[in-house]
Amino acid sequence: MVHAVKLTYKLGFGFLNQRQEARCHSAVELGYLTGSVLFTIGTVYFFPLEGMEDFVLGCRYYEVGSVVFAVLTAYSELDRYHARKNGKTERVVTIRELLEEFMYCSGSVVFLVGTFMFDPDFVEGISWMFGSPRSHVENGAAVMFMVGSFLFSLGSYVNA
């Protein structure tokens, strides 16, 4: 995941000037912050507090946050790949960095699928479509959450 404390490589597929690159880094960081806030708000709606618990609304926040993370990690992966392929950056993007971003991207996509599989409306549709009990769909969603989280965590260790 990109963190623009210090610009380590150029974003924008090499088409942006320095000022636009800084704005792009800021937009990516703002996107990650927005996704994190959405996850936090969604988590609050899962708490079993009277008048506060709203499972469906919590799922919606998680879905939007998951889409944000999946899109940003896919963009970052493509951008790093482009930077490595062209070699026009100030420093070389290493294979480990590509692998790190690939783990983040894969984890985000798997987590996104699990998020939608856990949504009550989708659970009904999936269980009807495949003729399986709701519990099997929810268990599959839980597995997707675990695998996605594992891939996301593994990404942080690949390039440590």
N, C-alpha and C. Protein backbone atom coordinates (compact mmCIF):
# COMPACT_ATOMS: atom_id res chain seq x y z
N MET A 1 0.85 -1.17 0.00
CA MET A 1 0.00 0.00 0.00
C MET A 1 0.90 1.23 0.00
N VAL A 2 0.53 2.20 -0.73
CA VAL A 2 1.30 3.44 -0.84
C VAL A 2 0.99 4.32 0.37
N HIS A 3 2.02 4.89 0.96
CA HIS A 3 1.82 5.88 2.01
C HIS A 3 2.72 7.05 1.70
N ALA A 4 2.11 8.17 1.40
CA ALA A 4 2.83 9.32 0.85
C ALA A 4 3.46 10.20 1.91
N VAL A 5 4.12 9.59 2.89
CA VAL A 5 4.89 10.39 3.83
C VAL A 5 6.07 10.99 3.06
N LYS A 6 6.71 10.16 2.26
CA LYS A 6 7.77 10.60 1.35
C LYS A 6 7.47 9.94 0.01
N LEU A 7 7.43 10.71 -1.03
CA LEU A 7 7.13 10.15 -2.34
C LEU A 7 8.27 9.23 -2.74
N THR A 8 7.98 7.91 -2.82
CA THR A 8 9.02 6.94 -3.11
C THR A 8 9.05 6.55 -4.58
N TYR A 9 7.96 6.67 -5.26
CA TYR A 9 7.94 6.44 -6.70
C TYR A 9 6.81 7.26 -7.28
N LYS A 10 6.86 7.46 -8.57
CA LYS A 10 5.89 8.34 -9.21
C LYS A 10 4.59 7.60 -9.50
N LEU A 11 3.48 8.26 -9.26
CA LEU A 11 2.18 7.74 -9.64
C LEU A 11 1.78 8.36 -10.97
N GLY A 12 0.68 7.90 -11.52
CA GLY A 12 0.15 8.49 -12.74
C GLY A 12 0.71 7.90 -14.01
N PHE A 13 1.28 6.70 -13.93
CA PHE A 13 1.79 6.00 -15.10
C PHE A 13 2.82 6.82 -15.88
N GLY A 14 3.48 7.73 -15.20
CA GLY A 14 4.52 8.52 -15.82
C GLY A 14 4.03 9.68 -16.66
N PHE A 15 2.75 9.96 -16.65
CA PHE A 15 2.18 11.02 -17.47
C PHE A 15 1.97 12.33 -16.72
N LEU A 16 2.24 12.34 -15.42
CA LEU A 16 1.96 13.52 -14.61
C LEU A 16 3.23 14.31 -14.31
N ASN A 17 3.07 15.61 -14.19
CA ASN A 17 4.21 16.41 -13.75
C ASN A 17 4.33 16.28 -12.23
N GLN A 18 5.36 16.90 -11.66
CA GLN A 18 5.64 16.73 -10.24
C GLN A 18 4.48 17.21 -9.36
N ARG A 19 3.87 18.31 -9.70
CA ARG A 19 2.75 18.84 -8.91
C ARG A 19 1.54 17.89 -8.99
N GLN A 20 1.25 17.40 -10.18
CA GLN A 20 0.13 16.47 -10.35
C GLN A 20 0.39 15.15 -9.63
N GLU A 21 1.65 14.71 -9.62
CA GLU A 21 2.00 13.48 -8.90
C GLU A 21 1.73 13.64 -7.41
N ALA A 22 2.09 14.78 -6.85
CA ALA A 22 1.85 15.03 -5.43
C ALA A 22 0.35 15.01 -5.14
N ARG A 23 -0.43 15.59 -6.03
CA ARG A 23 -1.89 15.56 -5.87
C ARG A 23 -2.43 14.14 -5.98
N CYS A 24 -1.86 13.38 -6.89
CA CYS A 24 -2.29 11.99 -7.06
C CYS A 24 -1.98 11.19 -5.79
N HIS A 25 -0.78 11.38 -5.24
CA HIS A 25 -0.43 10.71 -3.99
C HIS A 25 -1.40 11.10 -2.88
N SER A 26 -1.72 12.37 -2.81
CA SER A 26 -2.67 12.83 -1.78
C SER A 26 -4.04 12.22 -1.99
N ALA A 27 -4.48 12.12 -3.23
CA ALA A 27 -5.79 11.53 -3.53
C ALA A 27 -5.82 10.05 -3.14
N VAL A 28 -4.72 9.34 -3.43
CA VAL A 28 -4.65 7.92 -3.06
C VAL A 28 -4.70 7.78 -1.55
N GLU A 29 -3.93 8.58 -0.85
CA GLU A 29 -3.93 8.53 0.61
C GLU A 29 -5.30 8.89 1.19
N LEU A 30 -5.94 9.89 0.62
CA LEU A 30 -7.27 10.27 1.06
C LEU A 30 -8.25 9.13 0.82
N GLY A 31 -8.08 8.43 -0.28
CA GLY A 31 -8.92 7.27 -0.57
C GLY A 31 -8.74 6.17 0.46
N TYR A 32 -7.49 5.87 0.82
CA TYR A 32 -7.25 4.85 1.85
C TYR A 32 -7.83 5.29 3.19
N LEU A 33 -7.69 6.56 3.51
CA LEU A 33 -8.27 7.08 4.75
C LEU A 33 -9.79 6.95 4.73
N THR A 34 -10.40 7.30 3.60
CA THR A 34 -11.85 7.20 3.46
C THR A 34 -12.30 5.75 3.62
N GLY A 35 -11.61 4.82 2.97
CA GLY A 35 -11.95 3.41 3.10
C GLY A 35 -11.84 2.94 4.55
N SER A 36 -10.80 3.38 5.24
CA SER A 36 -10.62 2.99 6.65
C SER A 36 -11.73 3.55 7.52
N VAL A 37 -12.12 4.79 7.27
CA VAL A 37 -13.22 5.40 8.04
C VAL A 37 -14.52 4.65 7.77
N LEU A 38 -14.75 4.26 6.52
CA LEU A 38 -15.96 3.50 6.19
C LEU A 38 -15.98 2.16 6.92
N PHE A 39 -14.83 1.48 6.99
CA PHE A 39 -14.75 0.23 7.74
C PHE A 39 -15.06 0.46 9.22
N THR A 40 -14.52 1.54 9.77
CA THR A 40 -14.74 1.84 11.18
C THR A 40 -16.22 2.12 11.46
N ILE A 41 -16.85 2.92 10.62
CA ILE A 41 -18.27 3.21 10.79
C ILE A 41 -19.09 1.94 10.65
N GLY A 42 -18.76 1.13 9.65
CA GLY A 42 -19.47 -0.14 9.47
C GLY A 42 -19.35 -1.04 10.66
N THR A 43 -18.18 -1.06 11.29
CA THR A 43 -17.96 -1.90 12.47
C THR A 43 -18.86 -1.46 13.62
N VAL A 44 -19.05 -0.16 13.77
CA VAL A 44 -19.91 0.36 14.84
C VAL A 44 -21.33 -0.19 14.69
N TYR A 45 -21.81 -0.31 13.47
CA TYR A 45 -23.16 -0.82 13.25
C TYR A 45 -23.30 -2.31 13.53
N PHE A 46 -22.20 -3.01 13.69
CA PHE A 46 -22.26 -4.44 14.04
C PHE A 46 -22.30 -4.64 15.56
N PHE A 47 -22.01 -3.61 16.33
CA PHE A 47 -22.04 -3.74 17.78
C PHE A 47 -23.47 -4.02 18.24
N PRO A 48 -23.64 -4.96 19.16
CA PRO A 48 -24.99 -5.29 19.63
C PRO A 48 -25.50 -4.29 20.69
N LEU A 49 -25.64 -3.03 20.30
CA LEU A 49 -26.17 -2.01 21.18
C LEU A 49 -27.58 -1.66 20.74
N GLU A 50 -28.47 -1.55 21.70
CA GLU A 50 -29.86 -1.24 21.37
C GLU A 50 -29.96 0.12 20.68
N GLY A 51 -30.65 0.15 19.57
CA GLY A 51 -30.84 1.37 18.82
C GLY A 51 -29.68 1.71 17.89
N MET A 52 -28.58 0.99 18.01
CA MET A 52 -27.40 1.28 17.19
C MET A 52 -27.12 0.17 16.19
N GLU A 53 -27.48 -1.04 16.54
CA GLU A 53 -27.16 -2.19 15.69
C GLU A 53 -28.00 -2.16 14.41
N ASP A 54 -27.32 -2.21 13.28
CA ASP A 54 -27.98 -2.26 11.98
C ASP A 54 -27.06 -3.05 11.05
N PHE A 55 -27.30 -4.35 11.00
CA PHE A 55 -26.42 -5.25 10.28
C PHE A 55 -26.32 -4.90 8.79
N VAL A 56 -27.45 -4.59 8.18
CA VAL A 56 -27.46 -4.28 6.74
C VAL A 56 -26.68 -3.01 6.45
N LEU A 57 -26.88 -1.97 7.25
CA LEU A 57 -26.15 -0.72 7.05
C LEU A 57 -24.64 -0.92 7.27
N GLY A 58 -24.30 -1.71 8.27
CA GLY A 58 -22.89 -2.04 8.50
C GLY A 58 -22.27 -2.73 7.30
N CYS A 59 -23.03 -3.66 6.70
CA CYS A 59 -22.56 -4.35 5.50
C CYS A 59 -22.35 -3.37 4.35
N ARG A 60 -23.27 -2.42 4.20
CA ARG A 60 -23.14 -1.44 3.11
C ARG A 60 -21.87 -0.60 3.26
N TYR A 61 -21.58 -0.17 4.49
CA TYR A 61 -20.35 0.58 4.72
C TYR A 61 -19.12 -0.27 4.39
N TYR A 62 -19.15 -1.54 4.79
CA TYR A 62 -18.05 -2.45 4.48
C TYR A 62 -17.91 -2.65 2.98
N GLU A 63 -19.02 -2.76 2.28
CA GLU A 63 -18.96 -2.96 0.84
C GLU A 63 -18.31 -1.77 0.14
N VAL A 64 -18.73 -0.56 0.51
CA VAL A 64 -18.15 0.63 -0.12
C VAL A 64 -16.67 0.75 0.24
N GLY A 65 -16.33 0.52 1.50
CA GLY A 65 -14.92 0.56 1.91
C GLY A 65 -14.09 -0.48 1.18
N SER A 66 -14.64 -1.66 0.98
CA SER A 66 -13.93 -2.72 0.26
C SER A 66 -13.71 -2.36 -1.20
N VAL A 67 -14.71 -1.75 -1.82
CA VAL A 67 -14.56 -1.31 -3.21
C VAL A 67 -13.46 -0.25 -3.31
N VAL A 68 -13.46 0.69 -2.37
CA VAL A 68 -12.43 1.74 -2.37
C VAL A 68 -11.04 1.12 -2.28
N PHE A 69 -10.83 0.20 -1.33
CA PHE A 69 -9.53 -0.44 -1.17
C PHE A 69 -9.15 -1.26 -2.40
N ALA A 70 -10.09 -2.01 -2.95
CA ALA A 70 -9.79 -2.83 -4.13
C ALA A 70 -9.38 -1.98 -5.32
N VAL A 71 -10.09 -0.89 -5.54
CA VAL A 71 -9.77 0.00 -6.67
C VAL A 71 -8.40 0.65 -6.46
N LEU A 72 -8.14 1.15 -5.26
CA LEU A 72 -6.86 1.82 -5.01
C LEU A 72 -5.68 0.86 -5.07
N THR A 73 -5.84 -0.35 -4.55
CA THR A 73 -4.72 -1.30 -4.61
C THR A 73 -4.50 -1.78 -6.04
N ALA A 74 -5.57 -1.94 -6.82
CA ALA A 74 -5.42 -2.33 -8.22
C ALA A 74 -4.69 -1.22 -8.99
N TYR A 75 -5.09 0.03 -8.75
CA TYR A 75 -4.41 1.17 -9.39
C TYR A 75 -2.94 1.19 -9.02
N SER A 76 -2.65 1.03 -7.75
CA SER A 76 -1.25 1.09 -7.29
C SER A 76 -0.43 -0.06 -7.90
N GLU A 77 -1.03 -1.24 -8.00
CA GLU A 77 -0.33 -2.38 -8.59
C GLU A 77 -0.02 -2.11 -10.06
N LEU A 78 -1.01 -1.65 -10.80
CA LEU A 78 -0.79 -1.33 -12.22
C LEU A 78 0.24 -0.22 -12.40
N ASP A 79 0.17 0.78 -11.54
CA ASP A 79 1.10 1.89 -11.64
C ASP A 79 2.53 1.44 -11.34
N ARG A 80 2.70 0.62 -10.33
CA ARG A 80 4.04 0.11 -10.02
C ARG A 80 4.56 -0.77 -11.15
N TYR A 81 3.69 -1.61 -11.68
CA TYR A 81 4.09 -2.47 -12.79
C TYR A 81 4.53 -1.62 -13.98
N HIS A 82 3.77 -0.60 -14.28
CA HIS A 82 4.11 0.31 -15.38
C HIS A 82 5.44 1.00 -15.11
N ALA A 83 5.65 1.45 -13.88
CA ALA A 83 6.90 2.12 -13.52
C ALA A 83 8.09 1.17 -13.67
N ARG A 84 7.92 -0.09 -13.28
CA ARG A 84 9.01 -1.06 -13.40
C ARG A 84 9.29 -1.36 -14.87
N LYS A 85 8.24 -1.51 -15.64
CA LYS A 85 8.39 -1.87 -17.06
C LYS A 85 9.06 -0.75 -17.85
N ASN A 86 8.67 0.50 -17.58
CA ASN A 86 9.24 1.63 -18.31
C ASN A 86 10.60 2.06 -17.78
N GLY A 87 10.80 1.90 -16.49
CA GLY A 87 12.07 2.29 -15.89
C GLY A 87 12.35 3.78 -15.93
N LYS A 88 11.31 4.60 -16.05
CA LYS A 88 11.50 6.05 -16.13
C LYS A 88 11.38 6.73 -14.77
N THR A 89 11.41 5.96 -13.70
CA THR A 89 11.28 6.54 -12.37
C THR A 89 12.65 6.83 -11.79
N GLU A 90 12.65 7.60 -10.70
CA GLU A 90 13.90 7.98 -10.05
C GLU A 90 14.59 6.77 -9.44
N ARG A 91 13.83 5.78 -9.05
CA ARG A 91 14.42 4.55 -8.51
C ARG A 91 13.65 3.37 -9.08
N VAL A 92 14.28 2.23 -9.06
CA VAL A 92 13.69 1.03 -9.65
C VAL A 92 12.64 0.45 -8.70
N VAL A 93 11.50 0.06 -9.26
CA VAL A 93 10.48 -0.64 -8.49
C VAL A 93 10.88 -2.11 -8.48
N THR A 94 11.09 -2.66 -7.29
CA THR A 94 11.59 -4.03 -7.18
C THR A 94 10.47 -5.05 -7.32
N ILE A 95 10.88 -6.29 -7.57
CA ILE A 95 9.91 -7.39 -7.64
C ILE A 95 9.19 -7.54 -6.31
N ARG A 96 9.92 -7.36 -5.21
CA ARG A 96 9.31 -7.46 -3.89
C ARG A 96 8.21 -6.42 -3.71
N GLU A 97 8.42 -5.23 -4.24
CA GLU A 97 7.39 -4.19 -4.15
C GLU A 97 6.16 -4.57 -4.99
N LEU A 98 6.41 -5.14 -6.15
CA LEU A 98 5.29 -5.60 -6.98
C LEU A 98 4.54 -6.72 -6.28
N LEU A 99 5.28 -7.65 -5.68
CA LEU A 99 4.65 -8.75 -4.96
C LEU A 99 3.86 -8.24 -3.75
N GLU A 100 4.43 -7.28 -3.05
CA GLU A 100 3.75 -6.67 -1.91
C GLU A 100 2.40 -6.07 -2.35
N GLU A 101 2.42 -5.27 -3.41
CA GLU A 101 1.20 -4.64 -3.88
C GLU A 101 0.22 -5.66 -4.44
N PHE A 102 0.75 -6.74 -5.06
CA PHE A 102 -0.10 -7.81 -5.55
C PHE A 102 -0.84 -8.49 -4.40
N MET A 103 -0.13 -8.71 -3.28
CA MET A 103 -0.77 -9.31 -2.10
C MET A 103 -1.87 -8.39 -1.57
N TYR A 104 -1.59 -7.10 -1.50
CA TYR A 104 -2.61 -6.14 -1.05
C TYR A 104 -3.81 -6.17 -1.99
N CYS A 105 -3.55 -6.17 -3.27
CA CYS A 105 -4.62 -6.15 -4.26
C CYS A 105 -5.44 -7.44 -4.19
N SER A 106 -4.76 -8.58 -4.16
CA SER A 106 -5.47 -9.86 -4.08
C SER A 106 -6.28 -9.96 -2.80
N GLY A 107 -5.68 -9.56 -1.69
CA GLY A 107 -6.39 -9.58 -0.42
C GLY A 107 -7.61 -8.68 -0.43
N SER A 108 -7.48 -7.51 -1.05
CA SER A 108 -8.60 -6.58 -1.14
C SER A 108 -9.74 -7.16 -1.96
N VAL A 109 -9.42 -7.80 -3.07
CA VAL A 109 -10.45 -8.38 -3.93
C VAL A 109 -11.14 -9.55 -3.24
N VAL A 110 -10.36 -10.42 -2.61
CA VAL A 110 -10.95 -11.56 -1.89
C VAL A 110 -11.83 -11.06 -0.74
N PHE A 111 -11.34 -10.06 -0.01
CA PHE A 111 -12.13 -9.47 1.08
C PHE A 111 -13.41 -8.84 0.54
N LEU A 112 -13.31 -8.19 -0.61
CA LEU A 112 -14.49 -7.58 -1.25
C LEU A 112 -15.54 -8.64 -1.58
N VAL A 113 -15.11 -9.75 -2.15
CA VAL A 113 -16.06 -10.83 -2.47
C VAL A 113 -16.70 -11.36 -1.19
N GLY A 114 -15.89 -11.56 -0.15
CA GLY A 114 -16.43 -12.01 1.13
C GLY A 114 -17.41 -11.03 1.72
N THR A 115 -17.14 -9.74 1.55
CA THR A 115 -18.04 -8.71 2.06
C THR A 115 -19.41 -8.80 1.40
N PHE A 116 -19.43 -8.94 0.09
CA PHE A 116 -20.71 -9.07 -0.61
C PHE A 116 -21.39 -10.38 -0.28
N MET A 117 -20.61 -11.45 -0.08
CA MET A 117 -21.21 -12.75 0.27
C MET A 117 -21.84 -12.72 1.66
N PHE A 118 -21.41 -11.80 2.51
CA PHE A 118 -21.92 -11.73 3.88
C PHE A 118 -23.16 -10.86 3.99
N ASP A 119 -23.42 -10.04 2.99
CA ASP A 119 -24.58 -9.15 2.98
C ASP A 119 -25.86 -9.98 2.96
N PRO A 120 -26.82 -9.70 3.86
CA PRO A 120 -28.04 -10.51 3.93
C PRO A 120 -28.79 -10.64 2.60
N ASP A 121 -28.85 -9.58 1.83
CA ASP A 121 -29.54 -9.66 0.54
C ASP A 121 -28.81 -10.59 -0.43
N PHE A 122 -27.50 -10.52 -0.44
CA PHE A 122 -26.71 -11.39 -1.31
C PHE A 122 -26.73 -12.83 -0.82
N VAL A 123 -26.74 -13.02 0.51
CA VAL A 123 -26.80 -14.37 1.06
C VAL A 123 -28.06 -15.08 0.56
N GLU A 124 -29.18 -14.38 0.61
CA GLU A 124 -30.44 -14.95 0.11
C GLU A 124 -30.32 -15.35 -1.36
N GLY A 125 -29.81 -14.43 -2.17
CA GLY A 125 -29.68 -14.69 -3.61
C GLY A 125 -28.73 -15.82 -3.92
N ILE A 126 -27.58 -15.84 -3.25
CA ILE A 126 -26.59 -16.89 -3.50
C ILE A 126 -27.11 -18.25 -3.04
N SER A 127 -27.74 -18.28 -1.86
CA SER A 127 -28.26 -19.56 -1.37
C SER A 127 -29.38 -20.07 -2.26
N TRP A 128 -30.21 -19.17 -2.79
CA TRP A 128 -31.27 -19.59 -3.72
C TRP A 128 -30.67 -20.07 -5.03
N MET A 129 -29.68 -19.33 -5.56
CA MET A 129 -29.09 -19.65 -6.86
C MET A 129 -28.39 -21.02 -6.84
N PHE A 130 -27.68 -21.30 -5.77
CA PHE A 130 -26.92 -22.55 -5.70
C PHE A 130 -27.64 -23.63 -4.89
N GLY A 131 -28.78 -23.30 -4.33
CA GLY A 131 -29.55 -24.28 -3.57
C GLY A 131 -28.84 -24.75 -2.32
N SER A 132 -28.05 -23.88 -1.72
CA SER A 132 -27.33 -24.24 -0.51
C SER A 132 -27.89 -23.45 0.67
N PRO A 133 -27.73 -23.99 1.86
CA PRO A 133 -28.23 -23.28 3.04
C PRO A 133 -27.50 -21.95 3.26
N ARG A 134 -28.17 -21.02 3.90
CA ARG A 134 -27.59 -19.71 4.21
C ARG A 134 -26.29 -19.85 4.99
N SER A 135 -26.26 -20.80 5.90
CA SER A 135 -25.07 -20.98 6.74
C SER A 135 -23.84 -21.32 5.91
N HIS A 136 -24.01 -22.06 4.82
CA HIS A 136 -22.87 -22.40 3.96
C HIS A 136 -22.33 -21.15 3.27
N VAL A 137 -23.24 -20.29 2.84
CA VAL A 137 -22.82 -19.05 2.18
C VAL A 137 -22.10 -18.15 3.19
N GLU A 138 -22.65 -18.03 4.38
CA GLU A 138 -22.02 -17.20 5.42
C GLU A 138 -20.67 -17.77 5.83
N ASN A 139 -20.56 -19.09 5.92
CA ASN A 139 -19.27 -19.70 6.24
C ASN A 139 -18.26 -19.45 5.12
N GLY A 140 -18.72 -19.52 3.87
CA GLY A 140 -17.84 -19.20 2.75
C GLY A 140 -17.37 -17.76 2.80
N ALA A 141 -18.27 -16.86 3.20
CA ALA A 141 -17.90 -15.45 3.35
C ALA A 141 -16.85 -15.29 4.44
N ALA A 142 -17.02 -16.00 5.54
CA ALA A 142 -16.05 -15.92 6.63
C ALA A 142 -14.68 -16.41 6.17
N VAL A 143 -14.66 -17.47 5.37
CA VAL A 143 -13.39 -17.96 4.82
C VAL A 143 -12.76 -16.90 3.92
N MET A 144 -13.59 -16.25 3.10
CA MET A 144 -13.07 -15.19 2.22
C MET A 144 -12.48 -14.05 3.05
N PHE A 145 -13.14 -13.67 4.15
CA PHE A 145 -12.60 -12.64 5.03
C PHE A 145 -11.23 -13.04 5.57
N MET A 146 -11.14 -14.29 6.01
CA MET A 146 -9.87 -14.76 6.58
C MET A 146 -8.76 -14.80 5.54
N VAL A 147 -9.06 -15.35 4.37
CA VAL A 147 -8.04 -15.43 3.32
C VAL A 147 -7.63 -14.03 2.86
N GLY A 148 -8.61 -13.14 2.66
CA GLY A 148 -8.31 -11.77 2.26
C GLY A 148 -7.46 -11.05 3.30
N SER A 149 -7.83 -11.22 4.56
CA SER A 149 -7.05 -10.59 5.63
C SER A 149 -5.64 -11.16 5.71
N PHE A 150 -5.52 -12.47 5.50
CA PHE A 150 -4.20 -13.10 5.51
C PHE A 150 -3.33 -12.55 4.38
N LEU A 151 -3.89 -12.47 3.18
CA LEU A 151 -3.13 -11.94 2.04
C LEU A 151 -2.73 -10.49 2.29
N PHE A 152 -3.65 -9.72 2.85
CA PHE A 152 -3.36 -8.32 3.15
C PHE A 152 -2.23 -8.23 4.17
N SER A 153 -2.28 -9.06 5.20
CA SER A 153 -1.22 -9.07 6.22
C SER A 153 0.10 -9.55 5.64
N LEU A 154 0.03 -10.58 4.79
CA LEU A 154 1.24 -11.11 4.18
C LEU A 154 1.94 -10.06 3.33
N GLY A 155 1.17 -9.21 2.68
CA GLY A 155 1.75 -8.14 1.86
C GLY A 155 2.63 -7.21 2.67
N SER A 156 2.27 -6.99 3.91
CA SER A 156 3.08 -6.08 4.74
C SER A 156 4.42 -6.69 5.12
N TYR A 157 4.54 -8.02 5.06
CA TYR A 157 5.80 -8.69 5.42
C TYR A 157 6.68 -8.99 4.22
N VAL A 158 6.10 -9.00 3.03
CA VAL A 158 6.85 -9.36 1.82
C VAL A 158 7.99 -8.38 1.58
N ASN A 159 7.74 -7.12 1.77
CA ASN A 159 8.74 -6.11 1.46
C ASN A 159 9.22 -5.36 2.71
N ALA A 160 9.12 -6.02 3.86
CA ALA A 160 9.51 -5.37 5.11
C ALA A 160 11.02 -5.26 5.24
